[in-house]
Amino acid sequence: MDENLIGERILGCALKVHRALGPGLLEGAYEACLAYELTKSGLNHARQVAMPVEYDGVRIDLGYRLDILVEDLVVIEIKAVDRVNDIHRAQILSYLKLGRYRLGYLLNFNVKMLKDGISRVANGL
């Protein structure tokens, strides 16, 4: 399946979650509910996927985790913060580079309208 098509389905699921829960909860609640919606929509996904760092030809597990990986192609990083900062964007871009993924979404659920909390991040590989 095409990454952009997967992304559209992910955003549809995220909108359902945000409409039901609104802002103000912890990231874990949004992650669990989004995973449930992804399952309902038929998208394969994994939560808290280990993301090792490769350095000098050695894979080193430093405890980095992707919030959700969808169809082994699209990374979702979930936030519930007052404002998304450059460090949040750098985090998801680093995950994309480390895993050699092309597309990711930074979703901040702590906003009145979810469209204001969506950042699409692409890795040029």
PDB file of N, CA and C in Angstrom:
ATOM      1  N   MET A   1       0.845  -1.180   0.000  1.00  0.00           N
ATOM      2  CA  MET A   1       0.000   0.000   0.000  1.00  0.00           C
ATOM      3  C   MET A   1       0.897   1.253   0.000  1.00  0.00           C
ATOM      4  N   ASP A   2       0.468   2.273  -0.673  1.00  0.00           N
ATOM      5  CA  ASP A   2       1.193   3.534  -0.797  1.00  0.00           C
ATOM      6  C   ASP A   2       1.205   4.293   0.540  1.00  0.00           C
ATOM      7  N   GLU A   3       2.351   4.885   0.887  1.00  0.00           N
ATOM      8  CA  GLU A   3       2.476   5.619   2.151  1.00  0.00           C
ATOM      9  C   GLU A   3       1.468   6.752   2.278  1.00  0.00           C
ATOM     10  N   ASN A   4       1.215   7.451   1.181  1.00  0.00           N
ATOM     11  CA  ASN A   4       0.269   8.569   1.247  1.00  0.00           C
ATOM     12  C   ASN A   4      -1.150   8.085   1.530  1.00  0.00           C
ATOM     13  N   LEU A   5      -1.525   6.963   0.964  1.00  0.00           N
ATOM     14  CA  LEU A   5      -2.839   6.383   1.228  1.00  0.00           C
ATOM     15  C   LEU A   5      -2.948   5.938   2.688  1.00  0.00           C
ATOM     16  N   ILE A   6      -1.876   5.338   3.170  1.00  0.00           N
ATOM     17  CA  ILE A   6      -1.840   4.945   4.583  1.00  0.00           C
ATOM     18  C   ILE A   6      -1.987   6.190   5.453  1.00  0.00           C
ATOM     19  N   GLY A   7      -1.276   7.254   5.080  1.00  0.00           N
ATOM     20  CA  GLY A   7      -1.344   8.508   5.839  1.00  0.00           C
ATOM     21  C   GLY A   7      -2.752   9.063   5.913  1.00  0.00           C
ATOM     22  N   GLU A   8      -3.478   9.020   4.819  1.00  0.00           N
ATOM     23  CA  GLU A   8      -4.869   9.499   4.811  1.00  0.00           C
ATOM     24  C   GLU A   8      -5.720   8.688   5.778  1.00  0.00           C
ATOM     25  N   ARG A   9      -5.523   7.378   5.792  1.00  0.00           N
ATOM     26  CA  ARG A   9      -6.295   6.526   6.700  1.00  0.00           C
ATOM     27  C   ARG A   9      -5.909   6.771   8.156  1.00  0.00           C
ATOM     28  N   ILE A  10      -4.617   7.001   8.399  1.00  0.00           N
ATOM     29  CA  ILE A  10      -4.152   7.317   9.751  1.00  0.00           C
ATOM     30  C   ILE A  10      -4.824   8.593  10.247  1.00  0.00           C
ATOM     31  N   LEU A  11      -4.838   9.621   9.407  1.00  0.00           N
ATOM     32  CA  LEU A  11      -5.434  10.893   9.811  1.00  0.00           C
ATOM     33  C   LEU A  11      -6.929  10.750  10.078  1.00  0.00           C
ATOM     34  N   GLY A  12      -7.608   9.925   9.296  1.00  0.00           N
ATOM     35  CA  GLY A  12      -9.024   9.669   9.558  1.00  0.00           C
ATOM     36  C   GLY A  12      -9.229   9.046  10.930  1.00  0.00           C
ATOM     37  N   CYS A  13      -8.379   8.091  11.268  1.00  0.00           N
ATOM     38  CA  CYS A  13      -8.456   7.454  12.591  1.00  0.00           C
ATOM     39  C   CYS A  13      -8.151   8.451  13.700  1.00  0.00           C
ATOM     40  N   ALA A  14      -7.121   9.284  13.494  1.00  0.00           N
ATOM     41  CA  ALA A  14      -6.743  10.276  14.503  1.00  0.00           C
ATOM     42  C   ALA A  14      -7.870  11.272  14.738  1.00  0.00           C
ATOM     43  N   LEU A  15      -8.544  11.674  13.671  1.00  0.00           N
ATOM     44  CA  LEU A  15      -9.676  12.601  13.808  1.00  0.00           C
ATOM     45  C   LEU A  15     -10.801  11.981  14.640  1.00  0.00           C
ATOM     46  N   LYS A  16     -11.070  10.710  14.427  1.00  0.00           N
ATOM     47  CA  LYS A  16     -12.102  10.027  15.226  1.00  0.00           C
ATOM     48  C   LYS A  16     -11.740  10.056  16.714  1.00  0.00           C
ATOM     49  N   VAL A  17     -10.481   9.759  16.997  1.00  0.00           N
ATOM     50  CA  VAL A  17     -10.025   9.748  18.393  1.00  0.00           C
ATOM     51  C   VAL A  17     -10.146  11.141  19.005  1.00  0.00           C
ATOM     52  N   HIS A  18      -9.695  12.150  18.276  1.00  0.00           N
ATOM     53  CA  HIS A  18      -9.724  13.507  18.814  1.00  0.00           C
ATOM     54  C   HIS A  18     -11.151  14.004  19.015  1.00  0.00           C
ATOM     55  N   ARG A  19     -12.030  13.685  18.084  1.00  0.00           N
ATOM     56  CA  ARG A  19     -13.443  14.080  18.236  1.00  0.00           C
ATOM     57  C   ARG A  19     -14.058  13.463  19.491  1.00  0.00           C
ATOM     58  N   ALA A  20     -13.695  12.222  19.768  1.00  0.00           N
ATOM     59  CA  ALA A  20     -14.266  11.517  20.923  1.00  0.00           C
ATOM     60  C   ALA A  20     -13.662  11.969  22.244  1.00  0.00           C
ATOM     61  N   LEU A  21     -12.354  12.208  22.272  1.00  0.00           N
ATOM     62  CA  LEU A  21     -11.669  12.489  23.537  1.00  0.00           C
ATOM     63  C   LEU A  21     -11.360  13.955  23.777  1.00  0.00           C
ATOM     64  N   GLY A  22     -11.116  14.706  22.695  1.00  0.00           N
ATOM     65  CA  GLY A  22     -10.722  16.101  22.840  1.00  0.00           C
ATOM     66  C   GLY A  22      -9.338  16.229  23.441  1.00  0.00           C
ATOM     67  N   PRO A  23      -8.894  17.456  23.693  1.00  0.00           N
ATOM     68  CA  PRO A  23      -7.571  17.670  24.290  1.00  0.00           C
ATOM     69  C   PRO A  23      -7.589  17.425  25.793  1.00  0.00           C
ATOM     70  N   GLY A  24      -6.392  17.336  26.377  1.00  0.00           N
ATOM     71  CA  GLY A  24      -6.286  17.307  27.837  1.00  0.00           C
ATOM     72  C   GLY A  24      -5.863  15.992  28.451  1.00  0.00           C
ATOM     73  N   LEU A  25      -5.764  14.926  27.669  1.00  0.00           N
ATOM     74  CA  LEU A  25      -5.353  13.639  28.230  1.00  0.00           C
ATOM     75  C   LEU A  25      -3.855  13.421  28.025  1.00  0.00           C
ATOM     76  N   LEU A  26      -3.346  12.358  28.597  1.00  0.00           N
ATOM     77  CA  LEU A  26      -1.937  12.006  28.426  1.00  0.00           C
ATOM     78  C   LEU A  26      -1.731  11.307  27.086  1.00  0.00           C
ATOM     79  N   GLU A  27      -0.503  11.352  26.599  1.00  0.00           N
ATOM     80  CA  GLU A  27      -0.172  10.752  25.308  1.00  0.00           C
ATOM     81  C   GLU A  27      -0.566   9.284  25.219  1.00  0.00           C
ATOM     82  N   GLY A  28      -0.380   8.553  26.293  1.00  0.00           N
ATOM     83  CA  GLY A  28      -0.690   7.119  26.294  1.00  0.00           C
ATOM     84  C   GLY A  28      -2.143   6.819  25.969  1.00  0.00           C
ATOM     85  N   ALA A  29      -3.040   7.670  26.414  1.00  0.00           N
ATOM     86  CA  ALA A  29      -4.460   7.463  26.118  1.00  0.00           C
ATOM     87  C   ALA A  29      -4.717   7.614  24.625  1.00  0.00           C
ATOM     88  N   TYR A  30      -4.128   8.642  24.031  1.00  0.00           N
ATOM     89  CA  TYR A  30      -4.312   8.854  22.592  1.00  0.00           C
ATOM     90  C   TYR A  30      -3.661   7.730  21.793  1.00  0.00           C
ATOM     91  N   GLU A  31      -2.498   7.278  22.237  1.00  0.00           N
ATOM     92  CA  GLU A  31      -1.814   6.192  21.542  1.00  0.00           C
ATOM     93  C   GLU A  31      -2.658   4.923  21.544  1.00  0.00           C
ATOM     94  N   ALA A  32      -3.188   4.560  22.702  1.00  0.00           N
ATOM     95  CA  ALA A  32      -3.989   3.341  22.809  1.00  0.00           C
ATOM     96  C   ALA A  32      -5.254   3.432  21.966  1.00  0.00           C
ATOM     97  N   CYS A  33      -5.923   4.570  22.023  1.00  0.00           N
ATOM     98  CA  CYS A  33      -7.166   4.731  21.256  1.00  0.00           C
ATOM     99  C   CYS A  33      -6.898   4.791  19.759  1.00  0.00           C
ATOM    100  N   LEU A  34      -5.803   5.432  19.357  1.00  0.00           N
ATOM    101  CA  LEU A  34      -5.456   5.474  17.942  1.00  0.00           C
ATOM    102  C   LEU A  34      -5.109   4.069  17.451  1.00  0.00           C
ATOM    103  N   ALA A  35      -4.385   3.310  18.235  1.00  0.00           N
ATOM    104  CA  ALA A  35      -4.065   1.929  17.858  1.00  0.00           C
ATOM    105  C   ALA A  35      -5.344   1.116  17.668  1.00  0.00           C
ATOM    106  N   TYR A  36      -6.309   1.313  18.535  1.00  0.00           N
ATOM    107  CA  TYR A  36      -7.595   0.631  18.416  1.00  0.00           C
ATOM    108  C   TYR A  36      -8.284   1.011  17.102  1.00  0.00           C
ATOM    109  N   GLU A  37      -8.293   2.295  16.777  1.00  0.00           N
ATOM    110  CA  GLU A  37      -8.914   2.749  15.524  1.00  0.00           C
ATOM    111  C   GLU A  37      -8.165   2.212  14.301  1.00  0.00           C
ATOM    112  N   LEU A  38      -6.848   2.147  14.375  1.00  0.00           N
ATOM    113  CA  LEU A  38      -6.075   1.582  13.273  1.00  0.00           C
ATOM    114  C   LEU A  38      -6.431   0.118  13.048  1.00  0.00           C
ATOM    115  N   THR A  39      -6.592  -0.612  14.142  1.00  0.00           N
ATOM    116  CA  THR A  39      -7.012  -2.012  14.046  1.00  0.00           C
ATOM    117  C   THR A  39      -8.384  -2.115  13.392  1.00  0.00           C
ATOM    118  N   LYS A  40      -9.326  -1.287  13.852  1.00  0.00           N
ATOM    119  CA  LYS A  40     -10.667  -1.295  13.265  1.00  0.00           C
ATOM    120  C   LYS A  40     -10.640  -0.997  11.772  1.00  0.00           C
ATOM    121  N   SER A  41      -9.713  -0.146  11.346  1.00  0.00           N
ATOM    122  CA  SER A  41      -9.654   0.243   9.937  1.00  0.00           C
ATOM    123  C   SER A  41      -8.874  -0.760   9.084  1.00  0.00           C
ATOM    124  N   GLY A  42      -8.337  -1.793   9.713  1.00  0.00           N
ATOM    125  CA  GLY A  42      -7.637  -2.828   8.966  1.00  0.00           C
ATOM    126  C   GLY A  42      -6.177  -2.545   8.683  1.00  0.00           C
ATOM    127  N   LEU A  43      -5.606  -1.546   9.357  1.00  0.00           N
ATOM    128  CA  LEU A  43      -4.190  -1.226   9.159  1.00  0.00           C
ATOM    129  C   LEU A  43      -3.331  -2.001  10.157  1.00  0.00           C
ATOM    130  N   ASN A  44      -2.327  -2.695   9.657  1.00  0.00           N
ATOM    131  CA  ASN A  44      -1.383  -3.380  10.531  1.00  0.00           C
ATOM    132  C   ASN A  44      -0.483  -2.337  11.184  1.00  0.00           C
ATOM    133  N   HIS A  45      -0.206  -2.534  12.455  1.00  0.00           N
ATOM    134  CA  HIS A  45       0.626  -1.572  13.171  1.00  0.00           C
ATOM    135  C   HIS A  45       1.262  -2.232  14.387  1.00  0.00           C
ATOM    136  N   ALA A  46       2.290  -1.572  14.902  1.00  0.00           N
ATOM    137  CA  ALA A  46       2.943  -2.005  16.131  1.00  0.00           C
ATOM    138  C   ALA A  46       3.184  -0.778  16.990  1.00  0.00           C
ATOM    139  N   ARG A  47       3.044  -0.959  18.294  1.00  0.00           N
ATOM    140  CA  ARG A  47       3.253   0.133  19.238  1.00  0.00           C
ATOM    141  C   ARG A  47       4.593  -0.020  19.936  1.00  0.00           C
ATOM    142  N   GLN A  48       5.182   1.122  20.277  1.00  0.00           N
ATOM    143  CA  GLN A  48       6.433   1.179  21.045  1.00  0.00           C
ATOM    144  C   GLN A  48       7.518   0.297  20.415  1.00  0.00           C
ATOM    145  N   VAL A  49       7.773   0.540  19.144  1.00  0.00           N
ATOM    146  CA  VAL A  49       8.750  -0.226  18.369  1.00  0.00           C
ATOM    147  C   VAL A  49      10.161   0.261  18.698  1.00  0.00           C
ATOM    148  N   ALA A  50      11.040  -0.661  19.085  1.00  0.00           N
ATOM    149  CA  ALA A  50      12.425  -0.313  19.411  1.00  0.00           C
ATOM    150  C   ALA A  50      13.118   0.280  18.188  1.00  0.00           C
ATOM    151  N   MET A  51      13.864   1.358  18.418  1.00  0.00           N
ATOM    152  CA  MET A  51      14.583   2.037  17.342  1.00  0.00           C
ATOM    153  C   MET A  51      16.050   2.166  17.752  1.00  0.00           C
ATOM    154  N   PRO A  52      16.863   1.150  17.439  1.00  0.00           N
ATOM    155  CA  PRO A  52      18.277   1.228  17.807  1.00  0.00           C
ATOM    156  C   PRO A  52      19.021   2.242  16.947  1.00  0.00           C
ATOM    157  N   VAL A  53      20.140   2.674  17.439  1.00  0.00           N
ATOM    158  CA  VAL A  53      21.029   3.580  16.708  1.00  0.00           C
ATOM    159  C   VAL A  53      22.163   2.727  16.138  1.00  0.00           C
ATOM    160  N   GLU A  54      22.455   2.945  14.853  1.00  0.00           N
ATOM    161  CA  GLU A  54      23.597   2.253  14.268  1.00  0.00           C
ATOM    162  C   GLU A  54      24.785   3.207  14.275  1.00  0.00           C
ATOM    163  N   TYR A  55      25.840   2.758  14.928  1.00  0.00           N
ATOM    164  CA  TYR A  55      27.046   3.582  15.043  1.00  0.00           C
ATOM    165  C   TYR A  55      28.264   2.709  14.786  1.00  0.00           C
ATOM    166  N   ASP A  56      29.076   3.109  13.843  1.00  0.00           N
ATOM    167  CA  ASP A  56      30.311   2.410  13.528  1.00  0.00           C
ATOM    168  C   ASP A  56      30.050   0.935  13.207  1.00  0.00           C
ATOM    169  N   GLY A  57      28.938   0.691  12.524  1.00  0.00           N
ATOM    170  CA  GLY A  57      28.586  -0.667  12.116  1.00  0.00           C
ATOM    171  C   GLY A  57      27.964  -1.523  13.201  1.00  0.00           C
ATOM    172  N   VAL A  58      27.692  -0.919  14.347  1.00  0.00           N
ATOM    173  CA  VAL A  58      27.119  -1.659  15.480  1.00  0.00           C
ATOM    174  C   VAL A  58      25.748  -1.084  15.808  1.00  0.00           C
ATOM    175  N   ARG A  59      24.771  -1.967  16.034  1.00  0.00           N
ATOM    176  CA  ARG A  59      23.438  -1.526  16.447  1.00  0.00           C
ATOM    177  C   ARG A  59      23.414  -1.426  17.971  1.00  0.00           C
ATOM    178  N   ILE A  60      23.065  -0.231  18.449  1.00  0.00           N
ATOM    179  CA  ILE A  60      23.067   0.021  19.889  1.00  0.00           C
ATOM    180  C   ILE A  60      21.646   0.400  20.317  1.00  0.00           C
ATOM    181  N   ASP A  61      21.083  -0.377  21.244  1.00  0.00           N
ATOM    182  CA  ASP A  61      19.748  -0.068  21.745  1.00  0.00           C
ATOM    183  C   ASP A  61      19.872   0.952  22.862  1.00  0.00           C
ATOM    184  N   LEU A  62      19.332   2.145  22.603  1.00  0.00           N
ATOM    185  CA  LEU A  62      19.416   3.233  23.574  1.00  0.00           C
ATOM    186  C   LEU A  62      18.070   3.546  24.213  1.00  0.00           C
ATOM    187  N   GLY A  63      17.083   2.716  23.935  1.00  0.00           N
ATOM    188  CA  GLY A  63      15.776   2.924  24.537  1.00  0.00           C
ATOM    189  C   GLY A  63      14.833   3.779  23.718  1.00  0.00           C
ATOM    190  N   TYR A  64      15.243   4.178  22.504  1.00  0.00           N
ATOM    191  CA  TYR A  64      14.333   4.943  21.651  1.00  0.00           C
ATOM    192  C   TYR A  64      13.199   4.038  21.188  1.00  0.00           C
ATOM    193  N   ARG A  65      11.982   4.590  21.155  1.00  0.00           N
ATOM    194  CA  ARG A  65      10.806   3.829  20.749  1.00  0.00           C
ATOM    195  C   ARG A  65       9.931   4.676  19.837  1.00  0.00           C
ATOM    196  N   LEU A  66       9.504   4.086  18.718  1.00  0.00           N
ATOM    197  CA  LEU A  66       8.493   4.718  17.878  1.00  0.00           C
ATOM    198  C   LEU A  66       7.157   4.519  18.563  1.00  0.00           C
ATOM    199  N   ASP A  67       6.324   5.547  18.628  1.00  0.00           N
ATOM    200  CA  ASP A  67       5.015   5.365  19.261  1.00  0.00           C
ATOM    201  C   ASP A  67       4.207   4.321  18.498  1.00  0.00           C
ATOM    202  N   ILE A  68       4.044   4.535  17.191  1.00  0.00           N
ATOM    203  CA  ILE A  68       3.307   3.574  16.363  1.00  0.00           C
ATOM    204  C   ILE A  68       3.969   3.513  14.990  1.00  0.00           C
ATOM    205  N   LEU A  69       4.135   2.307  14.479  1.00  0.00           N
ATOM    206  CA  LEU A  69       4.612   2.079  13.116  1.00  0.00           C
ATOM    207  C   LEU A  69       3.484   1.390  12.362  1.00  0.00           C
ATOM    208  N   VAL A  70       3.041   1.996  11.269  1.00  0.00           N
ATOM    209  CA  VAL A  70       1.884   1.492  10.520  1.00  0.00           C
ATOM    210  C   VAL A  70       2.350   0.858   9.211  1.00  0.00           C
ATOM    211  N   GLU A  71       1.921  -0.383   9.005  1.00  0.00           N
ATOM    212  CA  GLU A  71       2.231  -1.131   7.785  1.00  0.00           C
ATOM    213  C   GLU A  71       3.730  -1.176   7.490  1.00  0.00           C
ATOM    214  N   ASP A  72       4.549  -1.119   8.528  1.00  0.00           N
ATOM    215  CA  ASP A  72       6.011  -1.110   8.396  1.00  0.00           C
ATOM    216  C   ASP A  72       6.513  -0.006   7.473  1.00  0.00           C
ATOM    217  N   LEU A  73       5.720   1.063   7.328  1.00  0.00           N
ATOM    218  CA  LEU A  73       6.069   2.142   6.404  1.00  0.00           C
ATOM    219  C   LEU A  73       5.971   3.542   6.996  1.00  0.00           C
ATOM    220  N   VAL A  74       4.974   3.789   7.825  1.00  0.00           N
ATOM    221  CA  VAL A  74       4.680   5.145   8.285  1.00  0.00           C
ATOM    222  C   VAL A  74       4.819   5.225   9.807  1.00  0.00           C
ATOM    223  N   VAL A  75       5.599   6.204  10.253  1.00  0.00           N
ATOM    224  CA  VAL A  75       5.861   6.415  11.680  1.00  0.00           C
ATOM    225  C   VAL A  75       4.879   7.447  12.225  1.00  0.00           C
ATOM    226  N   ILE A  76       4.312   7.159  13.388  1.00  0.00           N
ATOM    227  CA  ILE A  76       3.455   8.119  14.084  1.00  0.00           C
ATOM    228  C   ILE A  76       4.100   8.439  15.425  1.00  0.00           C
ATOM    229  N   GLU A  77       4.307   9.720  15.658  1.00  0.00           N
ATOM    230  CA  GLU A  77       4.806  10.203  16.949  1.00  0.00           C
ATOM    231  C   GLU A  77       3.676  11.017  17.576  1.00  0.00           C
ATOM    232  N   ILE A  78       3.244  10.617  18.753  1.00  0.00           N
ATOM    233  CA  ILE A  78       2.109  11.243  19.415  1.00  0.00           C
ATOM    234  C   ILE A  78       2.588  12.177  20.517  1.00  0.00           C
ATOM    235  N   LYS A  79       1.991  13.351  20.542  1.00  0.00           N
ATOM    236  CA  LYS A  79       2.274  14.333  21.590  1.00  0.00           C
ATOM    237  C   LYS A  79       0.957  14.844  22.164  1.00  0.00           C
ATOM    238  N   ALA A  80       1.040  15.340  23.390  1.00  0.00           N
ATOM    239  CA  ALA A  80      -0.079  16.020  24.040  1.00  0.00           C
ATOM    240  C   ALA A  80       0.536  17.194  24.798  1.00  0.00           C
ATOM    241  N   VAL A  81       1.004  18.168  24.025  1.00  0.00           N
ATOM    242  CA  VAL A  81       1.751  19.300  24.570  1.00  0.00           C
ATOM    243  C   VAL A  81       1.073  20.611  24.188  1.00  0.00           C
ATOM    244  N   ASP A  82       1.414  21.677  24.925  1.00  0.00           N
ATOM    245  CA  ASP A  82       0.845  22.989  24.622  1.00  0.00           C
ATOM    246  C   ASP A  82       1.257  23.480  23.246  1.00  0.00           C
ATOM    247  N   ARG A  83       2.513  23.186  22.882  1.00  0.00           N
ATOM    248  CA  ARG A  83       3.015  23.657  21.595  1.00  0.00           C
ATOM    249  C   ARG A  83       4.084  22.693  21.101  1.00  0.00           C
ATOM    250  N   VAL A  84       4.010  22.331  19.831  1.00  0.00           N
ATOM    251  CA  VAL A  84       5.034  21.495  19.219  1.00  0.00           C
ATOM    252  C   VAL A  84       6.260  22.365  18.959  1.00  0.00           C
ATOM    253  N   ASN A  85       7.412  21.885  19.400  1.00  0.00           N
ATOM    254  CA  ASN A  85       8.669  22.607  19.238  1.00  0.00           C
ATOM    255  C   ASN A  85       9.527  21.969  18.152  1.00  0.00           C
ATOM    256  N   ASP A  86      10.584  22.665  17.782  1.00  0.00           N
ATOM    257  CA  ASP A  86      11.513  22.135  16.788  1.00  0.00           C
ATOM    258  C   ASP A  86      12.104  20.797  17.227  1.00  0.00           C
ATOM    259  N   ILE A  87      12.298  20.611  18.528  1.00  0.00           N
ATOM    260  CA  ILE A  87      12.870  19.355  19.021  1.00  0.00           C
ATOM    261  C   ILE A  87      11.942  18.180  18.738  1.00  0.00           C
ATOM    262  N   HIS A  88      10.622  18.396  18.766  1.00  0.00           N
ATOM    263  CA  HIS A  88       9.664  17.330  18.450  1.00  0.00           C
ATOM    264  C   HIS A  88       9.778  16.945  16.974  1.00  0.00           C
ATOM    265  N   ARG A  89       9.916  17.948  16.111  1.00  0.00           N
ATOM    266  CA  ARG A  89      10.081  17.677  14.678  1.00  0.00           C
ATOM    267  C   ARG A  89      11.408  16.968  14.416  1.00  0.00           C
ATOM    268  N   ALA A  90      12.449  17.386  15.122  1.00  0.00           N
ATOM    269  CA  ALA A  90      13.756  16.746  14.975  1.00  0.00           C
ATOM    270  C   ALA A  90      13.696  15.288  15.430  1.00  0.00           C
ATOM    271  N   GLN A  91      12.930  15.022  16.468  1.00  0.00           N
ATOM    272  CA  GLN A  91      12.789  13.663  16.986  1.00  0.00           C
ATOM    273  C   GLN A  91      12.198  12.742  15.929  1.00  0.00           C
ATOM    274  N   ILE A  92      11.093  13.132  15.322  1.00  0.00           N
ATOM    275  CA  ILE A  92      10.470  12.240  14.339  1.00  0.00           C
ATOM    276  C   ILE A  92      11.328  12.122  13.087  1.00  0.00           C
ATOM    277  N   LEU A  93      11.988  13.200  12.689  1.00  0.00           N
ATOM    278  CA  LEU A  93      12.875  13.123  11.531  1.00  0.00           C
ATOM    279  C   LEU A  93      14.044  12.175  11.815  1.00  0.00           C
ATOM    280  N   SER A  94      14.556  12.201  13.037  1.00  0.00           N
ATOM    281  CA  SER A  94      15.626  11.268  13.418  1.00  0.00           C
ATOM    282  C   SER A  94      15.134   9.828  13.348  1.00  0.00           C
ATOM    283  N   TYR A  95      13.919   9.575  13.813  1.00  0.00           N
ATOM    284  CA  TYR A  95      13.354   8.223  13.731  1.00  0.00           C
ATOM    285  C   TYR A  95      13.215   7.775  12.288  1.00  0.00           C
ATOM    286  N   LEU A  96      12.772   8.680  11.428  1.00  0.00           N
ATOM    287  CA  LEU A  96      12.638   8.338  10.016  1.00  0.00           C
ATOM    288  C   LEU A  96      13.994   7.973   9.428  1.00  0.00           C
ATOM    289  N   LYS A  97      15.008   8.745   9.761  1.00  0.00           N
ATOM    290  CA  LYS A  97      16.349   8.479   9.233  1.00  0.00           C
ATOM    291  C   LYS A  97      16.920   7.178   9.793  1.00  0.00           C
ATOM    292  N   LEU A  98      16.797   6.976  11.104  1.00  0.00           N
ATOM    293  CA  LEU A  98      17.336   5.766  11.719  1.00  0.00           C
ATOM    294  C   LEU A  98      16.686   4.502  11.155  1.00  0.00           C
ATOM    295  N   GLY A  99      15.380   4.558  10.910  1.00  0.00           N
ATOM    296  CA  GLY A  99      14.661   3.386  10.414  1.00  0.00           C
ATOM    297  C   GLY A  99      14.561   3.324   8.903  1.00  0.00           C
ATOM    298  N   ARG A 100      15.092   4.344   8.241  1.00  0.00           N
ATOM    299  CA  ARG A 100      15.014   4.446   6.776  1.00  0.00           C
ATOM    300  C   ARG A 100      13.562   4.421   6.290  1.00  0.00           C
ATOM    301  N   TYR A 101      12.724   5.159   7.019  1.00  0.00           N
ATOM    302  CA  TYR A 101      11.323   5.337   6.628  1.00  0.00           C
ATOM    303  C   TYR A 101      11.195   6.648   5.874  1.00  0.00           C
ATOM    304  N   ARG A 102      10.231   6.722   4.981  1.00  0.00           N
ATOM    305  CA  ARG A 102      10.065   7.928   4.170  1.00  0.00           C
ATOM    306  C   ARG A 102       9.039   8.898   4.730  1.00  0.00           C
ATOM    307  N   LEU A 103       8.049   8.415   5.493  1.00  0.00           N
ATOM    308  CA  LEU A 103       6.949   9.288   5.906  1.00  0.00           C
ATOM    309  C   LEU A 103       6.598   9.090   7.370  1.00  0.00           C
ATOM    310  N   GLY A 104       6.315  10.214   8.025  1.00  0.00           N
ATOM    311  CA  GLY A 104       5.884  10.165   9.409  1.00  0.00           C
ATOM    312  C   GLY A 104       4.911  11.286   9.711  1.00  0.00           C
ATOM    313  N   TYR A 105       4.160  11.113  10.779  1.00  0.00           N
ATOM    314  CA  TYR A 105       3.212  12.131  11.241  1.00  0.00           C
ATOM    315  C   TYR A 105       3.479  12.413  12.706  1.00  0.00           C
ATOM    316  N   LEU A 106       3.626  13.686  13.015  1.00  0.00           N
ATOM    317  CA  LEU A 106       3.705  14.162  14.384  1.00  0.00           C
ATOM    318  C   LEU A 106       2.305  14.666  14.713  1.00  0.00           C
ATOM    319  N   LEU A 107       1.633  13.977  15.634  1.00  0.00           N
ATOM    320  CA  LEU A 107       0.250  14.305  15.970  1.00  0.00           C
ATOM    321  C   LEU A 107       0.183  14.838  17.388  1.00  0.00           C
ATOM    322  N   ASN A 108      -0.161  16.112  17.532  1.00  0.00           N
ATOM    323  CA  ASN A 108      -0.341  16.715  18.846  1.00  0.00           C
ATOM    324  C   ASN A 108      -1.840  16.785  19.137  1.00  0.00           C
ATOM    325  N   PHE A 109      -2.282  15.974  20.078  1.00  0.00           N
ATOM    326  CA  PHE A 109      -3.707  15.897  20.403  1.00  0.00           C
ATOM    327  C   PHE A 109      -4.153  16.981  21.383  1.00  0.00           C
ATOM    328  N   ASN A 110      -3.234  17.762  21.923  1.00  0.00           N
ATOM    329  CA  ASN A 110      -3.596  18.786  22.895  1.00  0.00           C
ATOM    330  C   ASN A 110      -3.905  20.122  22.206  1.00  0.00           C
ATOM    331  N   VAL A 111      -4.797  20.056  21.240  1.00  0.00           N
ATOM    332  CA  VAL A 111      -5.232  21.235  20.483  1.00  0.00           C
ATOM    333  C   VAL A 111      -6.751  21.186  20.363  1.00  0.00           C
ATOM    334  N   LYS A 112      -7.347  22.366  20.160  1.00  0.00           N
ATOM    335  CA  LYS A 112      -8.797  22.413  20.031  1.00  0.00           C
ATOM    336  C   LYS A 112      -9.259  21.713  18.755  1.00  0.00           C
ATOM    337  N   MET A 113      -8.564  21.978  17.647  1.00  0.00           N
ATOM    338  CA  MET A 113      -8.877  21.346  16.354  1.00  0.00           C
ATOM    339  C   MET A 113      -7.659  20.531  15.935  1.00  0.00           C
ATOM    340  N   LEU A 114      -7.835  19.234  15.685  1.00  0.00           N
ATOM    341  CA  LEU A 114      -6.697  18.377  15.395  1.00  0.00           C
ATOM    342  C   LEU A 114      -5.918  18.841  14.168  1.00  0.00           C
ATOM    343  N   LYS A 115      -6.574  19.462  13.201  1.00  0.00           N
ATOM    344  CA  LYS A 115      -5.854  19.928  12.009  1.00  0.00           C
ATOM    345  C   LYS A 115      -4.699  20.850  12.387  1.00  0.00           C
ATOM    346  N   ASP A 116      -4.810  21.537  13.529  1.00  0.00           N
ATOM    347  CA  ASP A 116      -3.741  22.412  14.003  1.00  0.00           C
ATOM    348  C   ASP A 116      -2.613  21.641  14.683  1.00  0.00           C
ATOM    349  N   GLY A 117      -2.824  20.346  14.930  1.00  0.00           N
ATOM    350  CA  GLY A 117      -1.826  19.531  15.612  1.00  0.00           C
ATOM    351  C   GLY A 117      -1.171  18.485  14.719  1.00  0.00           C
ATOM    352  N   ILE A 118      -1.400  18.571  13.406  1.00  0.00           N
ATOM    353  CA  ILE A 118      -0.856  17.581  12.475  1.00  0.00           C
ATOM    354  C   ILE A 118       0.353  18.151  11.751  1.00  0.00           C
ATOM    355  N   SER A 119       1.461  17.430  11.837  1.00  0.00           N
ATOM    356  CA  SER A 119       2.664  17.771  11.069  1.00  0.00           C
ATOM    357  C   SER A 119       3.059  16.538  10.262  1.00  0.00           C
ATOM    358  N   ARG A 120       3.098  16.689   8.953  1.00  0.00           N
ATOM    359  CA  ARG A 120       3.535  15.620   8.062  1.00  0.00           C
ATOM    360  C   ARG A 120       5.029  15.819   7.842  1.00  0.00           C
ATOM    361  N   VAL A 121       5.806  14.754   8.099  1.00  0.00           N
ATOM    362  CA  VAL A 121       7.255  14.856   8.003  1.00  0.00           C
ATOM    363  C   VAL A 121       7.740  13.820   7.001  1.00  0.00           C
ATOM    364  N   ALA A 122       8.517  14.269   6.007  1.00  0.00           N
ATOM    365  CA  ALA A 122       9.048  13.371   4.987  1.00  0.00           C
ATOM    366  C   ALA A 122      10.562  13.316   5.083  1.00  0.00           C
ATOM    367  N   ASN A 123      11.078  12.135   4.865  1.00  0.00           N
ATOM    368  CA  ASN A 123      12.527  11.899   4.862  1.00  0.00           C
ATOM    369  C   ASN A 123      12.947  11.713   3.411  1.00  0.00           C
ATOM    370  N   GLY A 124      13.802  12.580   2.924  1.00  0.00           N
ATOM    371  CA  GLY A 124      14.243  12.516   1.533  1.00  0.00           C
ATOM    372  C   GLY A 124      15.064  11.297   1.182  1.00  0.00           C
ATOM    373  N   LEU A 125      15.471  10.530   2.189  1.00  0.00           N
ATOM    374  CA  LEU A 125      16.343   9.368   1.989  1.00  0.00           C
ATOM    375  C   LEU A 125      17.448   9.799   1.089  1.00  0.00           C
TER     376      LEU A 125
END
